């Protein structure tokens, strides 16, 4: 994690049971400092904090994941301290989302844009509307080079209402690493969707948090 962001980290364990806290129980805290330079890539620390929590959680053993109620990220920068708490069930859903999105990344790596767009859920847009984005995908490939991998740099959870009711979605924000220059990119997916299903609810050439 420090290799990704630089700076320094202090690790601590804790327990909270106060009714004033939204999340309660055993937690692991990571206090980060000296990472101010990442603000040139993000409008706030929200996405980097979420990525730090995910990277830490993803590295835990299955037993350790069950041992904590949440992961706390504290970012100290420019004389201020900001705290972010991420419940472990939420981080588990991000792991699911990262697994679900693999076929979409594989399709982009192969330059198979029709296959990529075939994962678009018809509740979010019609097949014709999904296909309208194909020229943008083609142009990006020609300008910046073949996609090699997707590098996650943060996430956010969101609830969206469609024709069949509310859906709990995850927005995976990061960068498509390419043979030429990488491009910011985000996937909006349903983490509980079966493999090879219509799991994609949106995408875009941006990694900034939605408003």
N, C-alpha and C. Protein backbone atom coordinates (compact mmCIF):
# COMPACT_ATOMS: atom_id res chain seq x y z
N UNK A 1 0.82 -1.21 0.00
CA UNK A 1 0.00 0.00 0.00
C UNK A 1 0.86 1.26 0.00
N UNK A 2 1.90 1.27 0.85
CA UNK A 2 2.79 2.43 0.87
C UNK A 2 3.56 2.55 -0.44
N UNK A 3 3.80 1.41 -1.09
CA UNK A 3 4.46 1.46 -2.39
C UNK A 3 3.60 2.19 -3.40
N UNK A 4 2.29 2.14 -3.20
CA UNK A 4 1.34 2.77 -4.12
C UNK A 4 1.21 4.26 -3.84
N UNK A 5 1.13 4.63 -2.54
CA UNK A 5 0.86 6.01 -2.17
C UNK A 5 2.07 6.76 -1.62
N UNK A 6 3.10 6.04 -1.16
CA UNK A 6 4.20 6.71 -0.50
C UNK A 6 3.80 7.07 0.92
N UNK A 7 4.63 7.90 1.58
CA UNK A 7 4.29 8.37 2.91
C UNK A 7 4.59 7.34 3.98
N UNK A 8 3.96 7.55 5.14
CA UNK A 8 4.17 6.68 6.29
C UNK A 8 2.83 6.17 6.80
N UNK A 9 2.87 5.03 7.48
CA UNK A 9 1.65 4.44 8.03
C UNK A 9 1.88 3.96 9.44
N UNK A 10 0.90 4.19 10.31
CA UNK A 10 0.91 3.68 11.68
C UNK A 10 -0.32 2.78 11.83
N UNK A 11 -0.09 1.57 12.33
CA UNK A 11 -1.16 0.59 12.43
C UNK A 11 -1.59 0.43 13.89
N UNK A 12 -2.88 0.24 14.09
CA UNK A 12 -3.39 0.04 15.45
C UNK A 12 -4.70 -0.74 15.40
N UNK A 13 -5.00 -1.44 16.50
CA UNK A 13 -6.26 -2.14 16.64
C UNK A 13 -7.09 -1.45 17.71
N UNK A 14 -8.41 -1.54 17.58
CA UNK A 14 -9.27 -0.91 18.56
C UNK A 14 -10.63 -1.55 18.64
N UNK A 15 -11.42 -1.06 19.58
CA UNK A 15 -12.78 -1.55 19.78
C UNK A 15 -13.65 -0.35 20.13
N UNK A 16 -14.82 -0.26 19.51
CA UNK A 16 -15.74 0.81 19.84
C UNK A 16 -17.13 0.23 20.08
N UNK A 17 -17.79 0.77 21.11
CA UNK A 17 -19.15 0.33 21.41
C UNK A 17 -20.06 1.52 21.71
N UNK A 18 -19.55 2.72 21.46
CA UNK A 18 -20.33 3.92 21.71
C UNK A 18 -21.51 4.02 20.75
N UNK A 19 -22.66 4.43 21.26
CA UNK A 19 -23.84 4.57 20.40
C UNK A 19 -23.69 5.75 19.45
N UNK A 20 -22.68 6.59 19.67
CA UNK A 20 -22.46 7.73 18.80
C UNK A 20 -21.76 7.32 17.50
N UNK A 21 -21.15 6.15 17.51
CA UNK A 21 -20.43 5.68 16.32
C UNK A 21 -21.38 4.92 15.41
N UNK A 22 -21.30 5.20 14.13
CA UNK A 22 -22.15 4.49 13.17
C UNK A 22 -21.76 3.03 13.10
N UNK A 23 -20.45 2.76 13.14
CA UNK A 23 -19.95 1.38 13.11
C UNK A 23 -19.40 1.04 14.48
N UNK A 24 -19.69 -0.16 14.92
CA UNK A 24 -19.26 -0.59 16.25
C UNK A 24 -18.58 -1.94 16.15
N UNK A 25 -17.74 -2.22 17.13
CA UNK A 25 -17.06 -3.50 17.19
C UNK A 25 -15.55 -3.34 17.03
N UNK A 26 -14.92 -4.44 16.74
CA UNK A 26 -13.47 -4.47 16.61
C UNK A 26 -13.06 -3.90 15.25
N UNK A 27 -12.03 -3.07 15.26
CA UNK A 27 -11.59 -2.47 14.00
C UNK A 27 -10.07 -2.43 13.92
N UNK A 28 -9.59 -2.26 12.72
CA UNK A 28 -8.16 -2.05 12.47
C UNK A 28 -8.00 -0.66 11.89
N UNK A 29 -7.07 0.10 12.43
CA UNK A 29 -6.87 1.48 12.00
C UNK A 29 -5.53 1.65 11.30
N UNK A 30 -5.56 2.35 10.18
CA UNK A 30 -4.35 2.72 9.46
C UNK A 30 -4.29 4.24 9.40
N UNK A 31 -3.27 4.81 10.02
CA UNK A 31 -3.10 6.26 10.02
C UNK A 31 -2.00 6.60 9.02
N UNK A 32 -2.38 7.33 7.96
CA UNK A 32 -1.46 7.65 6.88
C UNK A 32 -1.07 9.11 6.91
N UNK A 33 0.20 9.38 6.66
CA UNK A 33 0.68 10.75 6.58
C UNK A 33 1.73 10.85 5.48
N UNK A 34 1.97 12.07 5.03
CA UNK A 34 2.98 12.27 3.98
C UNK A 34 2.54 11.84 2.60
N UNK A 35 1.21 11.85 2.36
CA UNK A 35 0.71 11.42 1.04
C UNK A 35 0.02 12.58 0.30
N UNK A 36 0.38 13.81 0.67
CA UNK A 36 -0.29 14.97 0.08
C UNK A 36 -0.19 15.02 -1.43
N UNK A 37 0.87 14.44 -1.99
CA UNK A 37 1.07 14.53 -3.44
C UNK A 37 -0.03 13.84 -4.25
N UNK A 38 -0.76 12.91 -3.63
CA UNK A 38 -1.81 12.23 -4.39
C UNK A 38 -2.98 13.15 -4.70
N UNK A 39 -3.06 14.31 -4.03
CA UNK A 39 -4.16 15.23 -4.30
C UNK A 39 -4.09 15.82 -5.70
N UNK A 40 -2.94 15.71 -6.36
CA UNK A 40 -2.87 16.18 -7.75
C UNK A 40 -3.64 15.26 -8.69
N UNK A 41 -4.01 14.08 -8.22
CA UNK A 41 -4.75 13.13 -9.03
C UNK A 41 -6.20 12.97 -8.60
N UNK A 42 -6.57 13.50 -7.42
CA UNK A 42 -7.92 13.34 -6.88
C UNK A 42 -8.42 14.67 -6.34
N UNK A 43 -9.73 14.86 -6.40
CA UNK A 43 -10.32 16.09 -5.88
C UNK A 43 -10.46 16.04 -4.36
N UNK A 44 -10.41 14.85 -3.76
CA UNK A 44 -10.47 14.69 -2.31
C UNK A 44 -9.75 13.39 -1.96
N UNK A 45 -9.69 13.09 -0.66
CA UNK A 45 -9.06 11.85 -0.22
C UNK A 45 -10.05 10.68 -0.15
N UNK A 46 -11.30 10.91 -0.55
CA UNK A 46 -12.32 9.87 -0.41
C UNK A 46 -11.93 8.57 -1.13
N UNK A 47 -11.59 8.69 -2.42
CA UNK A 47 -11.26 7.48 -3.18
C UNK A 47 -9.95 6.84 -2.70
N UNK A 48 -8.88 7.61 -2.48
CA UNK A 48 -7.67 6.97 -1.94
C UNK A 48 -7.90 6.27 -0.61
N UNK A 49 -8.73 6.86 0.26
CA UNK A 49 -9.01 6.22 1.55
C UNK A 49 -9.73 4.89 1.33
N UNK A 50 -10.70 4.87 0.41
CA UNK A 50 -11.42 3.62 0.15
C UNK A 50 -10.49 2.56 -0.42
N UNK A 51 -9.55 2.99 -1.25
CA UNK A 51 -8.61 2.03 -1.83
C UNK A 51 -7.66 1.47 -0.78
N UNK A 52 -7.21 2.33 0.14
CA UNK A 52 -6.35 1.87 1.23
C UNK A 52 -7.07 0.81 2.05
N UNK A 53 -8.35 1.06 2.35
CA UNK A 53 -9.13 0.09 3.12
C UNK A 53 -9.26 -1.22 2.36
N UNK A 54 -9.52 -1.12 1.04
CA UNK A 54 -9.68 -2.34 0.24
C UNK A 54 -8.36 -3.11 0.16
N UNK A 55 -7.26 -2.42 -0.10
CA UNK A 55 -5.96 -3.10 -0.22
C UNK A 55 -5.61 -3.83 1.07
N UNK A 56 -5.87 -3.17 2.21
CA UNK A 56 -5.58 -3.80 3.50
C UNK A 56 -6.48 -5.01 3.72
N UNK A 57 -7.78 -4.83 3.49
CA UNK A 57 -8.74 -5.92 3.70
C UNK A 57 -8.44 -7.10 2.78
N UNK A 58 -8.13 -6.81 1.52
CA UNK A 58 -7.88 -7.85 0.54
C UNK A 58 -6.66 -8.70 0.93
N UNK A 59 -5.72 -8.11 1.66
CA UNK A 59 -4.51 -8.83 2.06
C UNK A 59 -4.70 -9.69 3.31
N UNK A 60 -5.83 -9.53 4.01
CA UNK A 60 -6.09 -10.31 5.21
C UNK A 60 -6.45 -11.75 4.87
N UNK A 61 -6.23 -12.64 5.80
CA UNK A 61 -6.67 -14.03 5.64
C UNK A 61 -8.18 -14.10 5.86
N UNK A 62 -8.85 -15.15 5.39
CA UNK A 62 -10.29 -15.29 5.63
C UNK A 62 -10.66 -15.18 7.10
N UNK A 63 -9.85 -15.76 7.98
CA UNK A 63 -10.14 -15.70 9.41
C UNK A 63 -10.01 -14.27 9.92
N UNK A 64 -8.99 -13.56 9.47
CA UNK A 64 -8.79 -12.17 9.91
C UNK A 64 -9.93 -11.27 9.42
N UNK A 65 -10.42 -11.53 8.22
CA UNK A 65 -11.52 -10.72 7.69
C UNK A 65 -12.76 -10.82 8.57
N UNK A 66 -12.98 -11.99 9.14
CA UNK A 66 -14.15 -12.19 10.01
C UNK A 66 -13.93 -11.58 11.39
N UNK A 67 -12.69 -11.25 11.69
CA UNK A 67 -12.34 -10.79 13.04
C UNK A 67 -12.61 -9.30 13.25
N UNK A 68 -12.79 -8.55 12.16
CA UNK A 68 -12.96 -7.10 12.27
C UNK A 68 -14.33 -6.67 11.76
N UNK A 69 -14.92 -5.69 12.45
CA UNK A 69 -16.21 -5.13 12.02
C UNK A 69 -16.02 -4.07 10.96
N UNK A 70 -14.90 -3.36 11.04
CA UNK A 70 -14.62 -2.35 10.03
C UNK A 70 -13.15 -1.98 10.01
N UNK A 71 -12.76 -1.34 8.91
CA UNK A 71 -11.40 -0.84 8.74
C UNK A 71 -11.47 0.68 8.80
N UNK A 72 -10.65 1.28 9.63
CA UNK A 72 -10.62 2.73 9.77
C UNK A 72 -9.36 3.29 9.12
N UNK A 73 -9.56 4.27 8.24
CA UNK A 73 -8.45 4.95 7.59
C UNK A 73 -8.42 6.39 8.09
N UNK A 74 -7.28 6.80 8.63
CA UNK A 74 -7.09 8.17 9.10
C UNK A 74 -6.00 8.81 8.23
N UNK A 75 -6.36 9.89 7.55
CA UNK A 75 -5.39 10.58 6.70
C UNK A 75 -5.03 11.91 7.33
N UNK A 76 -3.75 12.08 7.61
CA UNK A 76 -3.25 13.33 8.17
C UNK A 76 -2.51 14.08 7.06
N UNK A 77 -3.03 15.25 6.73
CA UNK A 77 -2.45 16.03 5.64
C UNK A 77 -2.74 17.51 5.85
N UNK A 78 -1.74 18.32 5.58
CA UNK A 78 -1.89 19.77 5.65
C UNK A 78 -2.45 20.23 6.99
N UNK A 79 -1.97 19.59 8.06
CA UNK A 79 -2.35 19.98 9.41
C UNK A 79 -3.74 19.54 9.84
N UNK A 80 -4.41 18.73 9.03
CA UNK A 80 -5.75 18.26 9.37
C UNK A 80 -5.79 16.73 9.36
N UNK A 81 -6.75 16.18 10.10
CA UNK A 81 -6.92 14.74 10.17
C UNK A 81 -8.34 14.38 9.76
N UNK A 82 -8.47 13.46 8.81
CA UNK A 82 -9.79 13.03 8.33
C UNK A 82 -9.91 11.53 8.53
N UNK A 83 -11.05 11.10 9.08
CA UNK A 83 -11.27 9.68 9.38
C UNK A 83 -12.34 9.10 8.46
N UNK A 84 -12.06 7.91 7.94
CA UNK A 84 -13.00 7.19 7.08
C UNK A 84 -13.16 5.78 7.65
N UNK A 85 -14.39 5.33 7.81
CA UNK A 85 -14.67 3.97 8.28
C UNK A 85 -15.34 3.15 7.19
N UNK A 86 -14.86 1.92 6.99
CA UNK A 86 -15.41 1.04 5.96
C UNK A 86 -15.77 -0.31 6.60
N UNK A 87 -17.06 -0.62 6.60
CA UNK A 87 -17.52 -1.89 7.17
C UNK A 87 -16.97 -3.04 6.36
N UNK A 88 -16.59 -4.12 7.03
CA UNK A 88 -16.02 -5.26 6.32
C UNK A 88 -17.01 -5.92 5.35
N UNK A 89 -18.33 -5.95 5.63
CA UNK A 89 -19.24 -6.47 4.60
C UNK A 89 -19.21 -5.65 3.32
N UNK A 90 -19.03 -4.33 3.46
CA UNK A 90 -18.91 -3.48 2.28
C UNK A 90 -17.65 -3.82 1.50
N UNK A 91 -16.54 -4.02 2.20
CA UNK A 91 -15.29 -4.36 1.54
C UNK A 91 -15.37 -5.74 0.89
N UNK A 92 -16.14 -6.63 1.49
CA UNK A 92 -16.35 -7.95 0.89
C UNK A 92 -17.10 -7.82 -0.43
N UNK A 93 -18.06 -6.89 -0.50
CA UNK A 93 -18.80 -6.67 -1.73
C UNK A 93 -17.89 -6.08 -2.81
N UNK A 94 -16.91 -5.29 -2.41
CA UNK A 94 -15.96 -4.75 -3.39
C UNK A 94 -15.11 -5.88 -3.96
N UNK A 95 -14.70 -6.82 -3.10
CA UNK A 95 -13.98 -7.99 -3.61
C UNK A 95 -14.83 -8.76 -4.61
N UNK A 96 -16.11 -8.90 -4.32
CA UNK A 96 -17.01 -9.56 -5.26
C UNK A 96 -17.07 -8.79 -6.58
N UNK A 97 -17.18 -7.47 -6.48
CA UNK A 97 -17.27 -6.63 -7.68
C UNK A 97 -16.01 -6.76 -8.53
N UNK A 98 -14.85 -6.82 -7.89
CA UNK A 98 -13.60 -6.95 -8.63
C UNK A 98 -13.55 -8.29 -9.37
N UNK A 99 -14.14 -9.33 -8.77
CA UNK A 99 -14.19 -10.64 -9.43
C UNK A 99 -15.18 -10.62 -10.59
N UNK A 100 -16.32 -9.97 -10.37
CA UNK A 100 -17.36 -9.92 -11.40
C UNK A 100 -16.87 -9.18 -12.65
N UNK A 101 -16.07 -8.12 -12.46
CA UNK A 101 -15.68 -7.26 -13.57
C UNK A 101 -14.57 -7.87 -14.44
N UNK A 102 -14.00 -8.97 -14.02
CA UNK A 102 -12.89 -9.58 -14.77
C UNK A 102 -13.21 -9.84 -16.24
N UNK A 103 -14.39 -10.42 -16.57
CA UNK A 103 -14.69 -10.64 -18.00
C UNK A 103 -14.74 -9.34 -18.81
N UNK A 104 -15.19 -8.26 -18.19
CA UNK A 104 -15.24 -6.98 -18.89
C UNK A 104 -13.84 -6.46 -19.17
N UNK A 105 -12.95 -6.60 -18.20
CA UNK A 105 -11.56 -6.18 -18.40
C UNK A 105 -10.90 -7.05 -19.47
N UNK A 106 -11.18 -8.35 -19.44
CA UNK A 106 -10.62 -9.25 -20.46
C UNK A 106 -11.07 -8.84 -21.86
N UNK A 107 -12.34 -8.44 -21.99
CA UNK A 107 -12.85 -8.02 -23.29
C UNK A 107 -12.15 -6.75 -23.76
N UNK A 108 -11.90 -5.81 -22.86
CA UNK A 108 -11.18 -4.58 -23.23
C UNK A 108 -9.74 -4.90 -23.62
N UNK A 109 -9.12 -5.81 -22.90
CA UNK A 109 -7.74 -6.20 -23.23
C UNK A 109 -7.66 -6.79 -24.63
N UNK A 110 -8.68 -7.54 -25.00
CA UNK A 110 -8.70 -8.17 -26.32
C UNK A 110 -9.20 -7.24 -27.41
N UNK A 111 -9.63 -6.05 -27.03
CA UNK A 111 -10.19 -5.12 -28.01
C UNK A 111 -11.54 -5.58 -28.54
N UNK A 112 -12.22 -6.45 -27.80
CA UNK A 112 -13.52 -6.98 -28.22
C UNK A 112 -14.62 -6.12 -27.59
N UNK A 113 -14.88 -4.98 -28.21
CA UNK A 113 -15.78 -4.00 -27.60
C UNK A 113 -17.24 -4.45 -27.65
N UNK A 114 -17.61 -5.20 -28.65
CA UNK A 114 -18.98 -5.72 -28.68
C UNK A 114 -19.21 -6.67 -27.51
N UNK A 115 -18.21 -7.50 -27.21
CA UNK A 115 -18.33 -8.41 -26.07
C UNK A 115 -18.39 -7.61 -24.77
N UNK A 116 -17.57 -6.58 -24.67
CA UNK A 116 -17.60 -5.73 -23.49
C UNK A 116 -18.99 -5.11 -23.29
N UNK A 117 -19.53 -4.56 -24.36
CA UNK A 117 -20.83 -3.90 -24.27
C UNK A 117 -21.97 -4.88 -24.05
N UNK A 118 -21.75 -6.16 -24.38
CA UNK A 118 -22.79 -7.17 -24.18
C UNK A 118 -23.05 -7.42 -22.69
N UNK A 119 -22.14 -6.97 -21.83
CA UNK A 119 -22.34 -7.11 -20.39
C UNK A 119 -23.24 -5.99 -19.84
N UNK A 120 -23.57 -5.01 -20.67
CA UNK A 120 -24.41 -3.90 -20.25
C UNK A 120 -25.82 -4.35 -19.91
N UNK A 121 -26.29 -4.02 -18.74
CA UNK A 121 -27.62 -4.46 -18.30
C UNK A 121 -28.71 -3.64 -18.99
N UNK A 122 -29.72 -4.28 -19.54
CA UNK A 122 -30.80 -3.55 -20.24
C UNK A 122 -31.63 -2.67 -19.32
N UNK A 123 -31.57 -2.89 -18.00
CA UNK A 123 -32.27 -2.00 -17.08
C UNK A 123 -31.64 -0.62 -17.04
N UNK A 124 -30.32 -0.57 -17.25
CA UNK A 124 -29.59 0.71 -17.21
C UNK A 124 -29.66 1.44 -18.54
N UNK A 125 -29.66 0.70 -19.64
CA UNK A 125 -29.71 1.30 -20.98
C UNK A 125 -30.06 0.22 -21.98
N UNK A 126 -30.64 0.61 -23.09
CA UNK A 126 -30.98 -0.35 -24.14
C UNK A 126 -29.71 -0.81 -24.84
N UNK A 127 -29.81 -1.90 -25.60
CA UNK A 127 -28.66 -2.40 -26.35
C UNK A 127 -28.14 -1.34 -27.31
N UNK A 128 -29.05 -0.62 -27.94
CA UNK A 128 -28.65 0.44 -28.87
C UNK A 128 -27.90 1.56 -28.15
N UNK A 129 -28.35 1.89 -26.94
CA UNK A 129 -27.67 2.94 -26.17
C UNK A 129 -26.29 2.49 -25.72
N UNK A 130 -26.15 1.23 -25.33
CA UNK A 130 -24.83 0.72 -24.98
C UNK A 130 -23.90 0.79 -26.18
N UNK A 131 -24.40 0.44 -27.35
CA UNK A 131 -23.57 0.42 -28.56
C UNK A 131 -23.11 1.82 -28.97
N UNK A 132 -23.82 2.85 -28.52
CA UNK A 132 -23.41 4.21 -28.86
C UNK A 132 -22.05 4.58 -28.28
N UNK A 133 -21.61 3.85 -27.27
CA UNK A 133 -20.31 4.12 -26.65
C UNK A 133 -19.15 3.42 -27.35
N UNK A 134 -19.45 2.56 -28.31
CA UNK A 134 -18.38 1.80 -28.97
C UNK A 134 -17.36 2.70 -29.66
N UNK A 135 -17.76 3.75 -30.41
CA UNK A 135 -16.75 4.60 -31.06
C UNK A 135 -15.76 5.23 -30.07
N UNK A 136 -16.23 5.57 -28.87
CA UNK A 136 -15.35 6.15 -27.86
C UNK A 136 -14.32 5.13 -27.39
N UNK A 137 -14.75 3.90 -27.20
CA UNK A 137 -13.84 2.84 -26.79
C UNK A 137 -12.79 2.56 -27.87
N UNK A 138 -13.25 2.54 -29.11
CA UNK A 138 -12.34 2.30 -30.24
C UNK A 138 -11.32 3.43 -30.34
N UNK A 139 -11.78 4.67 -30.24
CA UNK A 139 -10.89 5.83 -30.37
C UNK A 139 -9.85 5.85 -29.26
N UNK A 140 -10.25 5.49 -28.03
CA UNK A 140 -9.31 5.47 -26.91
C UNK A 140 -8.23 4.42 -27.13
N UNK A 141 -8.63 3.27 -27.68
CA UNK A 141 -7.65 2.22 -27.96
C UNK A 141 -6.63 2.64 -29.01
N UNK A 142 -7.11 3.33 -30.02
CA UNK A 142 -6.21 3.80 -31.08
C UNK A 142 -5.26 4.88 -30.58
N UNK A 143 -5.77 5.75 -29.71
CA UNK A 143 -4.97 6.87 -29.25
C UNK A 143 -3.98 6.49 -28.14
N UNK A 144 -4.42 5.64 -27.22
CA UNK A 144 -3.60 5.37 -26.03
C UNK A 144 -3.01 3.97 -25.98
N UNK A 145 -3.44 3.09 -26.88
CA UNK A 145 -2.86 1.76 -26.93
C UNK A 145 -3.72 0.69 -26.29
N UNK A 146 -3.33 -0.53 -26.48
CA UNK A 146 -4.07 -1.69 -25.99
C UNK A 146 -4.12 -1.71 -24.47
N UNK A 147 -5.27 -2.11 -23.94
CA UNK A 147 -5.44 -2.23 -22.49
C UNK A 147 -4.67 -3.45 -21.98
N UNK A 148 -3.91 -3.24 -20.91
CA UNK A 148 -3.16 -4.33 -20.29
C UNK A 148 -3.83 -4.85 -19.02
N UNK A 149 -4.35 -3.91 -18.21
CA UNK A 149 -5.02 -4.31 -16.97
C UNK A 149 -5.80 -3.13 -16.41
N UNK A 150 -6.64 -3.42 -15.42
CA UNK A 150 -7.36 -2.38 -14.70
C UNK A 150 -6.76 -2.27 -13.31
N UNK A 151 -6.37 -1.05 -12.92
CA UNK A 151 -5.79 -0.79 -11.61
C UNK A 151 -6.79 -0.02 -10.77
N UNK A 152 -7.31 -0.65 -9.73
CA UNK A 152 -8.29 0.00 -8.86
C UNK A 152 -7.62 1.09 -8.04
N UNK A 153 -8.28 2.25 -7.94
CA UNK A 153 -7.77 3.35 -7.12
C UNK A 153 -8.81 3.86 -6.13
N UNK A 154 -9.93 3.18 -6.03
CA UNK A 154 -10.95 3.56 -5.07
C UNK A 154 -12.31 3.03 -5.49
N UNK A 155 -13.27 3.14 -4.59
CA UNK A 155 -14.61 2.66 -4.89
C UNK A 155 -15.63 3.50 -4.14
N UNK A 156 -16.87 3.38 -4.55
CA UNK A 156 -17.98 3.94 -3.79
C UNK A 156 -19.20 3.05 -4.00
N UNK A 157 -20.02 2.95 -2.97
CA UNK A 157 -21.26 2.19 -3.06
C UNK A 157 -22.39 3.14 -3.43
N UNK A 158 -23.37 2.61 -4.13
CA UNK A 158 -24.49 3.44 -4.56
C UNK A 158 -25.73 2.59 -4.72
N UNK A 159 -26.87 3.19 -4.49
CA UNK A 159 -28.15 2.54 -4.70
C UNK A 159 -28.86 3.23 -5.85
N UNK A 160 -29.31 2.46 -6.82
CA UNK A 160 -29.99 3.01 -7.99
C UNK A 160 -31.31 2.27 -8.19
N UNK A 161 -32.35 3.03 -8.52
CA UNK A 161 -33.66 2.45 -8.80
C UNK A 161 -33.84 2.23 -10.29
N UNK A 162 -34.23 1.01 -10.65
CA UNK A 162 -34.51 0.67 -12.04
C UNK A 162 -35.94 0.13 -12.12
N UNK A 163 -36.31 -0.38 -13.25
CA UNK A 163 -37.68 -0.83 -13.46
C UNK A 163 -38.13 -1.92 -12.51
N UNK A 164 -37.17 -2.72 -12.02
CA UNK A 164 -37.54 -3.82 -11.13
C UNK A 164 -37.27 -3.51 -9.67
N UNK A 165 -36.93 -2.24 -9.37
CA UNK A 165 -36.69 -1.86 -7.98
C UNK A 165 -35.26 -1.41 -7.74
N UNK A 166 -34.86 -1.22 -6.48
CA UNK A 166 -33.52 -0.73 -6.15
C UNK A 166 -32.44 -1.79 -6.34
N UNK A 167 -31.28 -1.34 -6.76
CA UNK A 167 -30.10 -2.21 -6.91
C UNK A 167 -28.94 -1.60 -6.13
N UNK A 168 -28.23 -2.44 -5.39
CA UNK A 168 -27.05 -2.00 -4.67
C UNK A 168 -25.82 -2.24 -5.56
N UNK A 169 -25.23 -1.16 -5.99
CA UNK A 169 -24.14 -1.23 -6.96
C UNK A 169 -22.82 -0.74 -6.35
N UNK A 170 -21.73 -1.12 -7.00
CA UNK A 170 -20.40 -0.66 -6.62
C UNK A 170 -19.76 0.03 -7.82
N UNK A 171 -19.23 1.21 -7.59
CA UNK A 171 -18.47 1.91 -8.63
C UNK A 171 -16.99 1.70 -8.35
N UNK A 172 -16.32 1.00 -9.27
CA UNK A 172 -14.89 0.73 -9.19
C UNK A 172 -14.16 1.79 -10.00
N UNK A 173 -13.41 2.64 -9.35
CA UNK A 173 -12.74 3.76 -10.01
C UNK A 173 -11.23 3.51 -10.07
N UNK A 174 -10.66 3.75 -11.23
CA UNK A 174 -9.22 3.52 -11.34
C UNK A 174 -8.67 3.92 -12.68
N UNK A 175 -7.73 3.13 -13.17
CA UNK A 175 -7.02 3.43 -14.41
C UNK A 175 -6.93 2.17 -15.26
N UNK A 176 -7.19 2.32 -16.55
CA UNK A 176 -6.88 1.25 -17.50
C UNK A 176 -5.42 1.42 -17.90
N UNK A 177 -4.58 0.52 -17.45
CA UNK A 177 -3.16 0.54 -17.81
C UNK A 177 -3.06 0.08 -19.26
N UNK A 178 -2.39 0.88 -20.08
CA UNK A 178 -2.32 0.59 -21.52
C UNK A 178 -0.88 0.50 -22.00
N UNK A 179 -0.71 0.03 -23.23
CA UNK A 179 0.62 -0.03 -23.82
C UNK A 179 1.19 1.36 -24.03
N UNK A 180 0.30 2.34 -24.24
CA UNK A 180 0.73 3.72 -24.38
C UNK A 180 0.55 4.44 -23.05
N UNK A 181 -0.43 5.33 -23.00
CA UNK A 181 -0.71 6.09 -21.78
C UNK A 181 -1.99 5.57 -21.13
N UNK A 182 -1.96 5.41 -19.81
CA UNK A 182 -3.13 4.94 -19.10
C UNK A 182 -4.27 5.95 -19.14
N UNK A 183 -5.49 5.45 -19.04
CA UNK A 183 -6.67 6.32 -19.05
C UNK A 183 -7.51 6.06 -17.81
N UNK A 184 -7.98 7.14 -17.17
CA UNK A 184 -8.91 6.99 -16.05
C UNK A 184 -10.15 6.24 -16.53
N UNK A 185 -10.68 5.38 -15.66
CA UNK A 185 -11.84 4.58 -16.06
C UNK A 185 -12.57 4.08 -14.83
N UNK A 186 -13.89 3.98 -14.93
CA UNK A 186 -14.71 3.44 -13.84
C UNK A 186 -15.74 2.47 -14.38
N UNK A 187 -15.99 1.43 -13.60
CA UNK A 187 -17.05 0.47 -13.88
C UNK A 187 -18.10 0.60 -12.79
N UNK A 188 -19.37 0.53 -13.16
CA UNK A 188 -20.45 0.43 -12.18
C UNK A 188 -21.06 -0.95 -12.34
N UNK A 189 -20.94 -1.78 -11.31
CA UNK A 189 -21.35 -3.18 -11.43
C UNK A 189 -22.21 -3.60 -10.24
N UNK A 190 -22.92 -4.69 -10.45
CA UNK A 190 -23.68 -5.32 -9.37
C UNK A 190 -22.85 -6.48 -8.84
N UNK A 191 -22.31 -6.36 -7.63
CA UNK A 191 -21.38 -7.38 -7.15
C UNK A 191 -21.98 -8.76 -6.97
N UNK A 192 -23.29 -8.84 -6.77
CA UNK A 192 -23.93 -10.15 -6.56
C UNK A 192 -24.32 -10.82 -7.87
N UNK A 193 -24.03 -10.19 -8.99
CA UNK A 193 -24.43 -10.75 -10.29
C UNK A 193 -23.65 -12.02 -10.61
N UNK A 194 -24.29 -13.01 -11.23
CA UNK A 194 -23.58 -14.23 -11.63
C UNK A 194 -22.53 -13.92 -12.70
N UNK A 195 -21.52 -14.77 -12.79
CA UNK A 195 -20.48 -14.60 -13.80
C UNK A 195 -21.08 -14.62 -15.20
N UNK A 196 -20.52 -13.79 -16.07
CA UNK A 196 -20.93 -13.70 -17.47
C UNK A 196 -22.36 -13.20 -17.64
N UNK A 197 -22.94 -12.61 -16.60
CA UNK A 197 -24.30 -12.08 -16.72
C UNK A 197 -24.24 -10.62 -17.17
N UNK A 198 -25.38 -9.95 -17.19
CA UNK A 198 -25.45 -8.53 -17.54
C UNK A 198 -25.15 -7.71 -16.29
N UNK A 199 -23.89 -7.75 -15.85
CA UNK A 199 -23.50 -7.17 -14.56
C UNK A 199 -23.13 -5.70 -14.64
N UNK A 200 -22.97 -5.16 -15.86
CA UNK A 200 -22.46 -3.80 -16.03
C UNK A 200 -23.63 -2.80 -16.08
N UNK A 201 -23.59 -1.79 -15.18
CA UNK A 201 -24.64 -0.78 -15.12
C UNK A 201 -24.14 0.60 -15.54
N UNK A 202 -22.88 0.68 -15.90
CA UNK A 202 -22.33 1.94 -16.36
C UNK A 202 -20.82 1.88 -16.41
N UNK A 203 -20.23 2.80 -17.16
CA UNK A 203 -18.78 2.94 -17.20
C UNK A 203 -18.47 4.34 -17.73
N UNK A 204 -17.24 4.76 -17.55
CA UNK A 204 -16.87 6.08 -18.03
C UNK A 204 -15.38 6.31 -17.90
N UNK A 205 -14.88 7.25 -18.69
CA UNK A 205 -13.46 7.58 -18.67
C UNK A 205 -13.20 8.64 -17.59
N UNK A 206 -13.41 8.24 -16.34
CA UNK A 206 -13.19 9.10 -15.20
C UNK A 206 -13.02 8.23 -13.97
N UNK A 207 -12.26 8.72 -13.00
CA UNK A 207 -12.15 7.99 -11.73
C UNK A 207 -12.62 8.84 -10.55
N UNK A 208 -13.02 10.07 -10.81
CA UNK A 208 -13.45 10.94 -9.71
C UNK A 208 -14.76 10.44 -9.11
N UNK A 209 -14.95 10.74 -7.82
CA UNK A 209 -16.17 10.33 -7.14
C UNK A 209 -17.36 11.03 -7.76
N UNK A 210 -18.47 10.31 -7.84
CA UNK A 210 -19.69 10.90 -8.38
C UNK A 210 -20.23 11.95 -7.44
N UNK A 211 -21.03 12.85 -7.99
CA UNK A 211 -21.59 13.94 -7.18
C UNK A 211 -23.03 13.61 -6.79
